[in-house]
Amino acid sequence: MHAMRLRRHGDVDRGRDEASWRANARAAKLAKLTGNETAYPKLLGRHEHRAVAERMLGRSLVRGEIVHHIDGNKRNNDPSNLQVMTQTEHVELHRGQLLQARKEQAGY
């Protein structure tokens, strides 16, 4: 780490702010304890919504199938909120949102 900082910046202490490092470490520990609210919940190492969809279908998902959350809440894995579709169908469903996001990024 020191050698990398020295090579990149010419100073081993550059980019090392003790207070922000400690704050980030604290936040990471807290996120592990409380659970990351923006991540998909997992069940036995797999995304829970995929396992629920497979139980709902009575078969494994095939390559190219994805599970869409109808209400947009990735933590709501109720079978009535899940819809299995292809990636193409999913893009078509969200096309308007994707185009709007691109326009906002471009500054239109």
PDB file of N, CA and C in Angstrom:
ATOM      1  N   MET A   1       0.828  -1.195   0.000  1.00  0.00           N
ATOM      2  CA  MET A   1       0.000   0.000   0.000  1.00  0.00           C
ATOM      3  C   MET A   1       0.872   1.260   0.000  1.00  0.00           C
ATOM      4  N   HIS A   2       1.893   1.272   0.868  1.00  0.00           N
ATOM      5  CA  HIS A   2       2.766   2.439   0.929  1.00  0.00           C
ATOM      6  C   HIS A   2       3.504   2.640  -0.390  1.00  0.00           C
ATOM      7  N   ALA A   3       4.015   1.538  -0.939  1.00  0.00           N
ATOM      8  CA  ALA A   3       4.754   1.626  -2.198  1.00  0.00           C
ATOM      9  C   ALA A   3       3.853   2.130  -3.317  1.00  0.00           C
ATOM     10  N   MET A   4       2.604   1.694  -3.314  1.00  0.00           N
ATOM     11  CA  MET A   4       1.665   2.124  -4.348  1.00  0.00           C
ATOM     12  C   MET A   4       1.392   3.620  -4.235  1.00  0.00           C
ATOM     13  N   ARG A   5       1.179   4.113  -3.005  1.00  0.00           N
ATOM     14  CA  ARG A   5       0.958   5.555  -2.808  1.00  0.00           C
ATOM     15  C   ARG A   5       2.187   6.361  -3.220  1.00  0.00           C
ATOM     16  N   LEU A   6       3.352   5.852  -2.873  1.00  0.00           N
ATOM     17  CA  LEU A   6       4.588   6.545  -3.218  1.00  0.00           C
ATOM     18  C   LEU A   6       4.761   6.613  -4.739  1.00  0.00           C
ATOM     19  N   ARG A   7       4.487   5.500  -5.422  1.00  0.00           N
ATOM     20  CA  ARG A   7       4.617   5.453  -6.873  1.00  0.00           C
ATOM     21  C   ARG A   7       3.591   6.353  -7.556  1.00  0.00           C
ATOM     22  N   ARG A   8       2.342   6.320  -7.090  1.00  0.00           N
ATOM     23  CA  ARG A   8       1.290   7.110  -7.734  1.00  0.00           C
ATOM     24  C   ARG A   8       1.374   8.598  -7.432  1.00  0.00           C
ATOM     25  N   HIS A   9       1.638   8.923  -6.150  1.00  0.00           N
ATOM     26  CA  HIS A   9       1.519  10.316  -5.713  1.00  0.00           C
ATOM     27  C   HIS A   9       2.830  10.951  -5.256  1.00  0.00           C
ATOM     28  N   GLY A  10       3.859  10.124  -5.048  1.00  0.00           N
ATOM     29  CA  GLY A  10       5.119  10.654  -4.579  1.00  0.00           C
ATOM     30  C   GLY A  10       5.115  10.938  -3.082  1.00  0.00           C
ATOM     31  N   ASP A  11       4.061  10.499  -2.384  1.00  0.00           N
ATOM     32  CA  ASP A  11       3.932  10.746  -0.953  1.00  0.00           C
ATOM     33  C   ASP A  11       3.140   9.592  -0.348  1.00  0.00           C
ATOM     34  N   VAL A  12       3.694   8.957   0.687  1.00  0.00           N
ATOM     35  CA  VAL A  12       3.011   7.799   1.273  1.00  0.00           C
ATOM     36  C   VAL A  12       1.778   8.184   2.075  1.00  0.00           C
ATOM     37  N   ASP A  13       1.679   9.428   2.514  1.00  0.00           N
ATOM     38  CA  ASP A  13       0.538   9.850   3.319  1.00  0.00           C
ATOM     39  C   ASP A  13      -0.578  10.511   2.508  1.00  0.00           C
ATOM     40  N   ARG A  14      -0.369  10.700   1.202  1.00  0.00           N
ATOM     41  CA  ARG A  14      -1.399  11.345   0.387  1.00  0.00           C
ATOM     42  C   ARG A  14      -2.621  10.431   0.258  1.00  0.00           C
ATOM     43  N   GLY A  15      -3.792  10.999   0.404  1.00  0.00           N
ATOM     44  CA  GLY A  15      -5.033  10.242   0.284  1.00  0.00           C
ATOM     45  C   GLY A  15      -5.383   9.453   1.522  1.00  0.00           C
ATOM     46  N   ARG A  16      -4.653   9.669   2.584  1.00  0.00           N
ATOM     47  CA  ARG A  16      -4.916   8.917   3.812  1.00  0.00           C
ATOM     48  C   ARG A  16      -5.384   9.882   4.891  1.00  0.00           C
ATOM     49  N   ASP A  17      -6.679   9.976   5.028  1.00  0.00           N
ATOM     50  CA  ASP A  17      -7.280  10.824   6.046  1.00  0.00           C
ATOM     51  C   ASP A  17      -7.849   9.905   7.125  1.00  0.00           C
ATOM     52  N   GLU A  18      -7.219   9.898   8.285  1.00  0.00           N
ATOM     53  CA  GLU A  18      -7.571   8.964   9.362  1.00  0.00           C
ATOM     54  C   GLU A  18      -9.034   9.070   9.768  1.00  0.00           C
ATOM     55  N   ALA A  19      -9.558  10.275   9.883  1.00  0.00           N
ATOM     56  CA  ALA A  19     -10.949  10.452  10.332  1.00  0.00           C
ATOM     57  C   ALA A  19     -11.939   9.865   9.332  1.00  0.00           C
ATOM     58  N   SER A  20     -11.740  10.131   8.031  1.00  0.00           N
ATOM     59  CA  SER A  20     -12.677   9.591   7.046  1.00  0.00           C
ATOM     60  C   SER A  20     -12.518   8.079   6.922  1.00  0.00           C
ATOM     61  N   TRP A  21     -11.301   7.573   7.071  1.00  0.00           N
ATOM     62  CA  TRP A  21     -11.084   6.134   7.028  1.00  0.00           C
ATOM     63  C   TRP A  21     -11.850   5.443   8.149  1.00  0.00           C
ATOM     64  N   ARG A  22     -11.775   6.012   9.367  1.00  0.00           N
ATOM     65  CA  ARG A  22     -12.491   5.432  10.508  1.00  0.00           C
ATOM     66  C   ARG A  22     -14.003   5.507  10.315  1.00  0.00           C
ATOM     67  N   ALA A  23     -14.487   6.629   9.781  1.00  0.00           N
ATOM     68  CA  ALA A  23     -15.931   6.785   9.541  1.00  0.00           C
ATOM     69  C   ALA A  23     -16.421   5.761   8.523  1.00  0.00           C
ATOM     70  N   ASN A  24     -15.651   5.538   7.460  1.00  0.00           N
ATOM     71  CA  ASN A  24     -16.038   4.549   6.453  1.00  0.00           C
ATOM     72  C   ASN A  24     -16.039   3.143   7.034  1.00  0.00           C
ATOM     73  N   ALA A  25     -15.045   2.824   7.862  1.00  0.00           N
ATOM     74  CA  ALA A  25     -14.972   1.508   8.484  1.00  0.00           C
ATOM     75  C   ALA A  25     -16.165   1.293   9.415  1.00  0.00           C
ATOM     76  N   ARG A  26     -16.523   2.329  10.172  1.00  0.00           N
ATOM     77  CA  ARG A  26     -17.685   2.247  11.070  1.00  0.00           C
ATOM     78  C   ARG A  26     -18.968   2.028  10.275  1.00  0.00           C
ATOM     79  N   ALA A  27     -19.127   2.772   9.177  1.00  0.00           N
ATOM     80  CA  ALA A  27     -20.326   2.647   8.348  1.00  0.00           C
ATOM     81  C   ALA A  27     -20.418   1.250   7.739  1.00  0.00           C
ATOM     82  N   ALA A  28     -19.288   0.685   7.329  1.00  0.00           N
ATOM     83  CA  ALA A  28     -19.287  -0.655   6.742  1.00  0.00           C
ATOM     84  C   ALA A  28     -19.696  -1.702   7.768  1.00  0.00           C
ATOM     85  N   LYS A  29     -19.189  -1.576   8.994  1.00  0.00           N
ATOM     86  CA  LYS A  29     -19.566  -2.516  10.055  1.00  0.00           C
ATOM     87  C   LYS A  29     -21.045  -2.401  10.379  1.00  0.00           C
ATOM     88  N   LEU A  30     -21.555  -1.183  10.438  1.00  0.00           N
ATOM     89  CA  LEU A  30     -22.965  -0.967  10.738  1.00  0.00           C
ATOM     90  C   LEU A  30     -23.848  -1.539   9.636  1.00  0.00           C
ATOM     91  N   ALA A  31     -23.445  -1.393   8.379  1.00  0.00           N
ATOM     92  CA  ALA A  31     -24.219  -1.930   7.254  1.00  0.00           C
ATOM     93  C   ALA A  31     -24.288  -3.454   7.323  1.00  0.00           C
ATOM     94  N   LYS A  32     -23.185  -4.093   7.751  1.00  0.00           N
ATOM     95  CA  LYS A  32     -23.194  -5.548   7.889  1.00  0.00           C
ATOM     96  C   LYS A  32     -24.152  -5.989   8.984  1.00  0.00           C
ATOM     97  N   LEU A  33     -24.212  -5.244  10.064  1.00  0.00           N
ATOM     98  CA  LEU A  33     -25.071  -5.608  11.186  1.00  0.00           C
ATOM     99  C   LEU A  33     -26.545  -5.380  10.891  1.00  0.00           C
ATOM    100  N   THR A  34     -26.848  -4.258  10.251  1.00  0.00           N
ATOM    101  CA  THR A  34     -28.254  -3.905  10.029  1.00  0.00           C
ATOM    102  C   THR A  34     -28.793  -4.432   8.715  1.00  0.00           C
ATOM    103  N   GLY A  35     -27.937  -4.797   7.791  1.00  0.00           N
ATOM    104  CA  GLY A  35     -28.370  -5.252   6.479  1.00  0.00           C
ATOM    105  C   GLY A  35     -28.427  -4.083   5.518  1.00  0.00           C
ATOM    106  N   ASN A  36     -28.018  -4.301   4.313  1.00  0.00           N
ATOM    107  CA  ASN A  36     -28.000  -3.258   3.306  1.00  0.00           C
ATOM    108  C   ASN A  36     -29.392  -3.141   2.703  1.00  0.00           C
ATOM    109  N   GLU A  37     -30.040  -2.015   2.906  1.00  0.00           N
ATOM    110  CA  GLU A  37     -31.419  -1.833   2.460  1.00  0.00           C
ATOM    111  C   GLU A  37     -31.534  -1.692   0.949  1.00  0.00           C
ATOM    112  N   THR A  38     -30.431  -1.467   0.243  1.00  0.00           N
ATOM    113  CA  THR A  38     -30.509  -1.300  -1.206  1.00  0.00           C
ATOM    114  C   THR A  38     -30.147  -2.586  -1.944  1.00  0.00           C
ATOM    115  N   ALA A  39     -29.744  -3.628  -1.224  1.00  0.00           N
ATOM    116  CA  ALA A  39     -29.337  -4.871  -1.866  1.00  0.00           C
ATOM    117  C   ALA A  39     -30.499  -5.866  -1.872  1.00  0.00           C
ATOM    118  N   TYR A  40     -30.436  -6.792  -2.817  1.00  0.00           N
ATOM    119  CA  TYR A  40     -31.429  -7.861  -2.860  1.00  0.00           C
ATOM    120  C   TYR A  40     -31.149  -8.821  -1.716  1.00  0.00           C
ATOM    121  N   PRO A  41     -32.172  -9.212  -0.942  1.00  0.00           N
ATOM    122  CA  PRO A  41     -31.949 -10.186   0.133  1.00  0.00           C
ATOM    123  C   PRO A  41     -31.557 -11.544  -0.448  1.00  0.00           C
ATOM    124  N   LYS A  42     -30.729 -12.265   0.295  1.00  0.00           N
ATOM    125  CA  LYS A  42     -30.275 -13.576  -0.178  1.00  0.00           C
ATOM    126  C   LYS A  42     -30.811 -14.675   0.732  1.00  0.00           C
ATOM    127  N   LEU A  43     -31.008 -15.826   0.126  1.00  0.00           N
ATOM    128  CA  LEU A  43     -31.479 -17.011   0.823  1.00  0.00           C
ATOM    129  C   LEU A  43     -30.520 -18.139   0.465  1.00  0.00           C
ATOM    130  N   LEU A  44     -29.752 -18.617   1.430  1.00  0.00           N
ATOM    131  CA  LEU A  44     -28.754 -19.662   1.208  1.00  0.00           C
ATOM    132  C   LEU A  44     -27.794 -19.300   0.073  1.00  0.00           C
ATOM    133  N   GLY A  45     -27.366 -18.038   0.039  1.00  0.00           N
ATOM    134  CA  GLY A  45     -26.384 -17.592  -0.932  1.00  0.00           C
ATOM    135  C   GLY A  45     -26.954 -17.229  -2.300  1.00  0.00           C
ATOM    136  N   ARG A  46     -28.263 -17.329  -2.478  1.00  0.00           N
ATOM    137  CA  ARG A  46     -28.895 -16.983  -3.760  1.00  0.00           C
ATOM    138  C   ARG A  46     -29.861 -15.833  -3.529  1.00  0.00           C
ATOM    139  N   HIS A  47     -30.122 -15.060  -4.578  1.00  0.00           N
ATOM    140  CA  HIS A  47     -31.100 -13.988  -4.443  1.00  0.00           C
ATOM    141  C   HIS A  47     -32.469 -14.595  -4.162  1.00  0.00           C
ATOM    142  N   GLU A  48     -33.086 -14.096  -3.097  1.00  0.00           N
ATOM    143  CA  GLU A  48     -34.342 -14.665  -2.622  1.00  0.00           C
ATOM    144  C   GLU A  48     -35.441 -14.596  -3.678  1.00  0.00           C
ATOM    145  N   HIS A  49     -35.524 -13.492  -4.437  1.00  0.00           N
ATOM    146  CA  HIS A  49     -36.599 -13.361  -5.409  1.00  0.00           C
ATOM    147  C   HIS A  49     -36.499 -14.423  -6.505  1.00  0.00           C
ATOM    148  N   ARG A  50     -35.298 -14.855  -6.829  1.00  0.00           N
ATOM    149  CA  ARG A  50     -35.145 -15.902  -7.839  1.00  0.00           C
ATOM    150  C   ARG A  50     -35.603 -17.249  -7.292  1.00  0.00           C
ATOM    151  N   ALA A  51     -35.280 -17.534  -6.020  1.00  0.00           N
ATOM    152  CA  ALA A  51     -35.717 -18.789  -5.399  1.00  0.00           C
ATOM    153  C   ALA A  51     -37.238 -18.832  -5.287  1.00  0.00           C
ATOM    154  N   VAL A  52     -37.855 -17.702  -4.919  1.00  0.00           N
ATOM    155  CA  VAL A  52     -39.325 -17.644  -4.802  1.00  0.00           C
ATOM    156  C   VAL A  52     -39.955 -17.857  -6.175  1.00  0.00           C
ATOM    157  N   ALA A  53     -39.403 -17.234  -7.212  1.00  0.00           N
ATOM    158  CA  ALA A  53     -39.942 -17.384  -8.562  1.00  0.00           C
ATOM    159  C   ALA A  53     -39.828 -18.836  -9.038  1.00  0.00           C
ATOM    160  N   GLU A  54     -38.728 -19.487  -8.718  1.00  0.00           N
ATOM    161  CA  GLU A  54     -38.562 -20.886  -9.116  1.00  0.00           C
ATOM    162  C   GLU A  54     -39.572 -21.781  -8.421  1.00  0.00           C
ATOM    163  N   ARG A  55     -39.828 -21.522  -7.139  1.00  0.00           N
ATOM    164  CA  ARG A  55     -40.865 -22.286  -6.427  1.00  0.00           C
ATOM    165  C   ARG A  55     -42.232 -22.034  -7.047  1.00  0.00           C
ATOM    166  N   MET A  56     -42.478 -20.791  -7.431  1.00  0.00           N
ATOM    167  CA  MET A  56     -43.749 -20.400  -8.031  1.00  0.00           C
ATOM    168  C   MET A  56     -43.954 -21.129  -9.371  1.00  0.00           C
ATOM    169  N   LEU A  57     -42.887 -21.214 -10.181  1.00  0.00           N
ATOM    170  CA  LEU A  57     -42.962 -21.852 -11.493  1.00  0.00           C
ATOM    171  C   LEU A  57     -42.898 -23.378 -11.416  1.00  0.00           C
ATOM    172  N   GLY A  58     -42.296 -23.878 -10.344  1.00  0.00           N
ATOM    173  CA  GLY A  58     -42.117 -25.322 -10.219  1.00  0.00           C
ATOM    174  C   GLY A  58     -40.939 -25.834 -11.036  1.00  0.00           C
ATOM    175  N   ARG A  59     -40.037 -24.941 -11.438  1.00  0.00           N
ATOM    176  CA  ARG A  59     -38.857 -25.310 -12.214  1.00  0.00           C
ATOM    177  C   ARG A  59     -37.773 -24.265 -11.985  1.00  0.00           C
ATOM    178  N   SER A  60     -36.566 -24.583 -12.425  1.00  0.00           N
ATOM    179  CA  SER A  60     -35.470 -23.619 -12.345  1.00  0.00           C
ATOM    180  C   SER A  60     -35.629 -22.576 -13.433  1.00  0.00           C
ATOM    181  N   LEU A  61     -35.133 -21.385 -13.183  1.00  0.00           N
ATOM    182  CA  LEU A  61     -35.118 -20.356 -14.216  1.00  0.00           C
ATOM    183  C   LEU A  61     -34.108 -20.756 -15.286  1.00  0.00           C
ATOM    184  N   VAL A  62     -34.451 -20.521 -16.525  1.00  0.00           N
ATOM    185  CA  VAL A  62     -33.527 -20.845 -17.610  1.00  0.00           C
ATOM    186  C   VAL A  62     -32.680 -19.622 -17.923  1.00  0.00           C
ATOM    187  N   ARG A  63     -31.618 -19.822 -18.659  1.00  0.00           N
ATOM    188  CA  ARG A  63     -30.722 -18.737 -19.035  1.00  0.00           C
ATOM    189  C   ARG A  63     -31.514 -17.668 -19.785  1.00  0.00           C
ATOM    190  N   GLY A  64     -31.323 -16.417 -19.386  1.00  0.00           N
ATOM    191  CA  GLY A  64     -32.009 -15.308 -20.042  1.00  0.00           C
ATOM    192  C   GLY A  64     -33.289 -14.876 -19.345  1.00  0.00           C
ATOM    193  N   GLU A  65     -33.792 -15.666 -18.403  1.00  0.00           N
ATOM    194  CA  GLU A  65     -34.989 -15.273 -17.656  1.00  0.00           C
ATOM    195  C   GLU A  65     -34.583 -14.449 -16.441  1.00  0.00           C
ATOM    196  N   ILE A  66     -35.309 -13.381 -16.208  1.00  0.00           N
ATOM    197  CA  ILE A  66     -35.071 -12.565 -15.020  1.00  0.00           C
ATOM    198  C   ILE A  66     -36.370 -12.441 -14.249  1.00  0.00           C
ATOM    199  N   VAL A  67     -36.258 -11.981 -13.012  1.00  0.00           N
ATOM    200  CA  VAL A  67     -37.429 -11.798 -12.161  1.00  0.00           C
ATOM    201  C   VAL A  67     -37.605 -10.311 -11.913  1.00  0.00           C
ATOM    202  N   HIS A  68     -38.749  -9.782 -12.312  1.00  0.00           N
ATOM    203  CA  HIS A  68     -39.081  -8.364 -12.180  1.00  0.00           C
ATOM    204  C   HIS A  68     -39.947  -8.163 -10.945  1.00  0.00           C
ATOM    205  N   HIS A  69     -39.629  -7.138 -10.144  1.00  0.00           N
ATOM    206  CA  HIS A  69     -40.466  -6.756  -9.007  1.00  0.00           C
ATOM    207  C   HIS A  69     -41.504  -5.749  -9.516  1.00  0.00           C
ATOM    208  N   ILE A  70     -42.754  -6.114  -9.503  1.00  0.00           N
ATOM    209  CA  ILE A  70     -43.817  -5.303 -10.083  1.00  0.00           C
ATOM    210  C   ILE A  70     -43.915  -3.937  -9.407  1.00  0.00           C
ATOM    211  N   ASP A  71     -43.831  -3.908  -8.071  1.00  0.00           N
ATOM    212  CA  ASP A  71     -43.963  -2.630  -7.355  1.00  0.00           C
ATOM    213  C   ASP A  71     -42.650  -1.855  -7.259  1.00  0.00           C
ATOM    214  N   GLY A  72     -41.559  -2.411  -7.786  1.00  0.00           N
ATOM    215  CA  GLY A  72     -40.274  -1.726  -7.773  1.00  0.00           C
ATOM    216  C   GLY A  72     -39.510  -1.883  -6.470  1.00  0.00           C
ATOM    217  N   ASN A  73     -40.080  -2.530  -5.465  1.00  0.00           N
ATOM    218  CA  ASN A  73     -39.429  -2.730  -4.168  1.00  0.00           C
ATOM    219  C   ASN A  73     -38.698  -4.061  -4.193  1.00  0.00           C
ATOM    220  N   LYS A  74     -37.364  -4.028  -4.275  1.00  0.00           N
ATOM    221  CA  LYS A  74     -36.592  -5.255  -4.396  1.00  0.00           C
ATOM    222  C   LYS A  74     -36.582  -6.092  -3.125  1.00  0.00           C
ATOM    223  N   ARG A  75     -37.114  -5.576  -2.035  1.00  0.00           N
ATOM    224  CA  ARG A  75     -37.193  -6.355  -0.802  1.00  0.00           C
ATOM    225  C   ARG A  75     -38.551  -7.040  -0.649  1.00  0.00           C
ATOM    226  N   ASN A  76     -39.505  -6.719  -1.528  1.00  0.00           N
ATOM    227  CA  ASN A  76     -40.836  -7.332  -1.483  1.00  0.00           C
ATOM    228  C   ASN A  76     -40.824  -8.556  -2.396  1.00  0.00           C
ATOM    229  N   ASN A  77     -40.600  -9.731  -1.818  1.00  0.00           N
ATOM    230  CA  ASN A  77     -40.491 -10.954  -2.600  1.00  0.00           C
ATOM    231  C   ASN A  77     -41.740 -11.812  -2.508  1.00  0.00           C
ATOM    232  N   ASP A  78     -42.883 -11.184  -2.316  1.00  0.00           N
ATOM    233  CA  ASP A  78     -44.148 -11.898  -2.323  1.00  0.00           C
ATOM    234  C   ASP A  78     -44.389 -12.414  -3.743  1.00  0.00           C
ATOM    235  N   PRO A  79     -44.832 -13.659  -3.902  1.00  0.00           N
ATOM    236  CA  PRO A  79     -45.050 -14.203  -5.251  1.00  0.00           C
ATOM    237  C   PRO A  79     -45.964 -13.345  -6.122  1.00  0.00           C
ATOM    238  N   SER A  80     -46.924 -12.650  -5.521  1.00  0.00           N
ATOM    239  CA  SER A  80     -47.822 -11.803  -6.316  1.00  0.00           C
ATOM    240  C   SER A  80     -47.108 -10.559  -6.845  1.00  0.00           C
ATOM    241  N   ASN A  81     -45.924 -10.249  -6.319  1.00  0.00           N
ATOM    242  CA  ASN A  81     -45.166  -9.078  -6.746  1.00  0.00           C
ATOM    243  C   ASN A  81     -44.069  -9.427  -7.751  1.00  0.00           C
ATOM    244  N   LEU A  82     -43.903 -10.711  -8.062  1.00  0.00           N
ATOM    245  CA  LEU A  82     -42.819 -11.139  -8.940  1.00  0.00           C
ATOM    246  C   LEU A  82     -43.353 -11.569 -10.293  1.00  0.00           C
ATOM    247  N   GLN A  83     -42.618 -11.215 -11.341  1.00  0.00           N
ATOM    248  CA  GLN A  83     -42.994 -11.572 -12.702  1.00  0.00           C
ATOM    249  C   GLN A  83     -41.744 -12.042 -13.433  1.00  0.00           C
ATOM    250  N   VAL A  84     -41.791 -13.244 -13.993  1.00  0.00           N
ATOM    251  CA  VAL A  84     -40.656 -13.788 -14.735  1.00  0.00           C
ATOM    252  C   VAL A  84     -40.777 -13.338 -16.181  1.00  0.00           C
ATOM    253  N   MET A  85     -39.681 -12.825 -16.733  1.00  0.00           N
ATOM    254  CA  MET A  85     -39.662 -12.359 -18.123  1.00  0.00           C
ATOM    255  C   MET A  85     -38.260 -12.448 -18.673  1.00  0.00           C
ATOM    256  N   THR A  86     -38.129 -12.224 -19.963  1.00  0.00           N
ATOM    257  CA  THR A  86     -36.799 -12.211 -20.578  1.00  0.00           C
ATOM    258  C   THR A  86     -36.182 -10.834 -20.368  1.00  0.00           C
ATOM    259  N   GLN A  87     -34.880 -10.747 -20.587  1.00  0.00           N
ATOM    260  CA  GLN A  87     -34.188  -9.466 -20.454  1.00  0.00           C
ATOM    261  C   GLN A  87     -34.735  -8.457 -21.457  1.00  0.00           C
ATOM    262  N   THR A  88     -35.069  -8.907 -22.667  1.00  0.00           N
ATOM    263  CA  THR A  88     -35.621  -8.029 -23.701  1.00  0.00           C
ATOM    264  C   THR A  88     -36.961  -7.445 -23.258  1.00  0.00           C
ATOM    265  N   GLU A  89     -37.826  -8.298 -22.718  1.00  0.00           N
ATOM    266  CA  GLU A  89     -39.129  -7.825 -22.226  1.00  0.00           C
ATOM    267  C   GLU A  89     -38.950  -6.820 -21.094  1.00  0.00           C
ATOM    268  N   HIS A  90     -37.958  -7.060 -20.246  1.00  0.00           N
ATOM    269  CA  HIS A  90     -37.714  -6.166 -19.111  1.00  0.00           C
ATOM    270  C   HIS A  90     -37.238  -4.799 -19.582  1.00  0.00           C
ATOM    271  N   VAL A  91     -36.363  -4.788 -20.582  1.00  0.00           N
ATOM    272  CA  VAL A  91     -35.881  -3.513 -21.135  1.00  0.00           C
ATOM    273  C   VAL A  91     -37.041  -2.751 -21.772  1.00  0.00           C
ATOM    274  N   GLU A  92     -37.890  -3.447 -22.516  1.00  0.00           N
ATOM    275  CA  GLU A  92     -39.055  -2.798 -23.129  1.00  0.00           C
ATOM    276  C   GLU A  92     -39.971  -2.193 -22.064  1.00  0.00           C
ATOM    277  N   LEU A  93     -40.133  -2.911 -20.960  1.00  0.00           N
ATOM    278  CA  LEU A  93     -40.984  -2.435 -19.872  1.00  0.00           C
ATOM    279  C   LEU A  93     -40.455  -1.124 -19.291  1.00  0.00           C
ATOM    280  N   HIS A  94     -39.143  -1.016 -19.177  1.00  0.00           N
ATOM    281  CA  HIS A  94     -38.528   0.152 -18.552  1.00  0.00           C
ATOM    282  C   HIS A  94     -37.934   1.151 -19.547  1.00  0.00           C
ATOM    283  N   ARG A  95     -38.208   0.986 -20.837  1.00  0.00           N
ATOM    284  CA  ARG A  95     -37.600   1.831 -21.869  1.00  0.00           C
ATOM    285  C   ARG A  95     -37.798   3.319 -21.587  1.00  0.00           C
ATOM    286  N   GLY A  96     -39.001   3.729 -21.229  1.00  0.00           N
ATOM    287  CA  GLY A  96     -39.274   5.138 -20.952  1.00  0.00           C
ATOM    288  C   GLY A  96     -38.410   5.680 -19.826  1.00  0.00           C
ATOM    289  N   GLN A  97     -38.273   4.907 -18.753  1.00  0.00           N
ATOM    290  CA  GLN A  97     -37.451   5.323 -17.621  1.00  0.00           C
ATOM    291  C   GLN A  97     -35.983   5.433 -18.032  1.00  0.00           C
ATOM    292  N   LEU A  98     -35.501   4.484 -18.835  1.00  0.00           N
ATOM    293  CA  LEU A  98     -34.108   4.506 -19.271  1.00  0.00           C
ATOM    294  C   LEU A  98     -33.826   5.727 -20.141  1.00  0.00           C
ATOM    295  N   LEU A  99     -34.736   6.020 -21.066  1.00  0.00           N
ATOM    296  CA  LEU A  99     -34.545   7.181 -21.938  1.00  0.00           C
ATOM    297  C   LEU A  99     -34.569   8.481 -21.147  1.00  0.00           C
ATOM    298  N   GLN A 100     -35.477   8.581 -20.185  1.00  0.00           N
ATOM    299  CA  GLN A 100     -35.569   9.782 -19.348  1.00  0.00           C
ATOM    300  C   GLN A 100     -34.288   9.975 -18.542  1.00  0.00           C
ATOM    301  N   ALA A 101     -33.753   8.904 -17.988  1.00  0.00           N
ATOM    302  CA  ALA A 101     -32.516   8.988 -17.205  1.00  0.00           C
ATOM    303  C   ALA A 101     -31.349   9.458 -18.088  1.00  0.00           C
ATOM    304  N   ARG A 102     -31.287   8.946 -19.319  1.00  0.00           N
ATOM    305  CA  ARG A 102     -30.211   9.371 -20.228  1.00  0.00           C
ATOM    306  C   ARG A 102     -30.328  10.847 -20.582  1.00  0.00           C
ATOM    307  N   LYS A 103     -31.561  11.317 -20.789  1.00  0.00           N
ATOM    308  CA  LYS A 103     -31.760  12.732 -21.097  1.00  0.00           C
ATOM    309  C   LYS A 103     -31.317  13.610 -19.934  1.00  0.00           C
ATOM    310  N   GLU A 104     -31.649  13.184 -18.703  1.00  0.00           N
ATOM    311  CA  GLU A 104     -31.263  13.957 -17.527  1.00  0.00           C
ATOM    312  C   GLU A 104     -29.742  13.993 -17.371  1.00  0.00           C
ATOM    313  N   GLN A 105     -29.073  12.890 -17.666  1.00  0.00           N
ATOM    314  CA  GLN A 105     -27.612  12.859 -17.569  1.00  0.00           C
ATOM    315  C   GLN A 105     -26.975  13.759 -18.627  1.00  0.00           C
ATOM    316  N   ALA A 106     -27.582  13.820 -19.794  1.00  0.00           N
ATOM    317  CA  ALA A 106     -27.036  14.648 -20.870  1.00  0.00           C
ATOM    318  C   ALA A 106     -27.357  16.117 -20.670  1.00  0.00           C
ATOM    319  N   GLY A 107     -28.280  16.428 -19.757  1.00  0.00           N
ATOM    320  CA  GLY A 107     -28.611  17.807 -19.459  1.00  0.00           C
ATOM    321  C   GLY A 107     -29.730  18.392 -20.304  1.00  0.00           C
ATOM    322  N   TYR A 108     -30.589  17.550 -20.854  1.00  0.00           N
ATOM    323  CA  TYR A 108     -31.719  18.041 -21.665  1.00  0.00           C
ATOM    324  C   TYR A 108     -32.863  18.455 -20.791  1.00  0.00           C
TER     325      TYR A 108
END
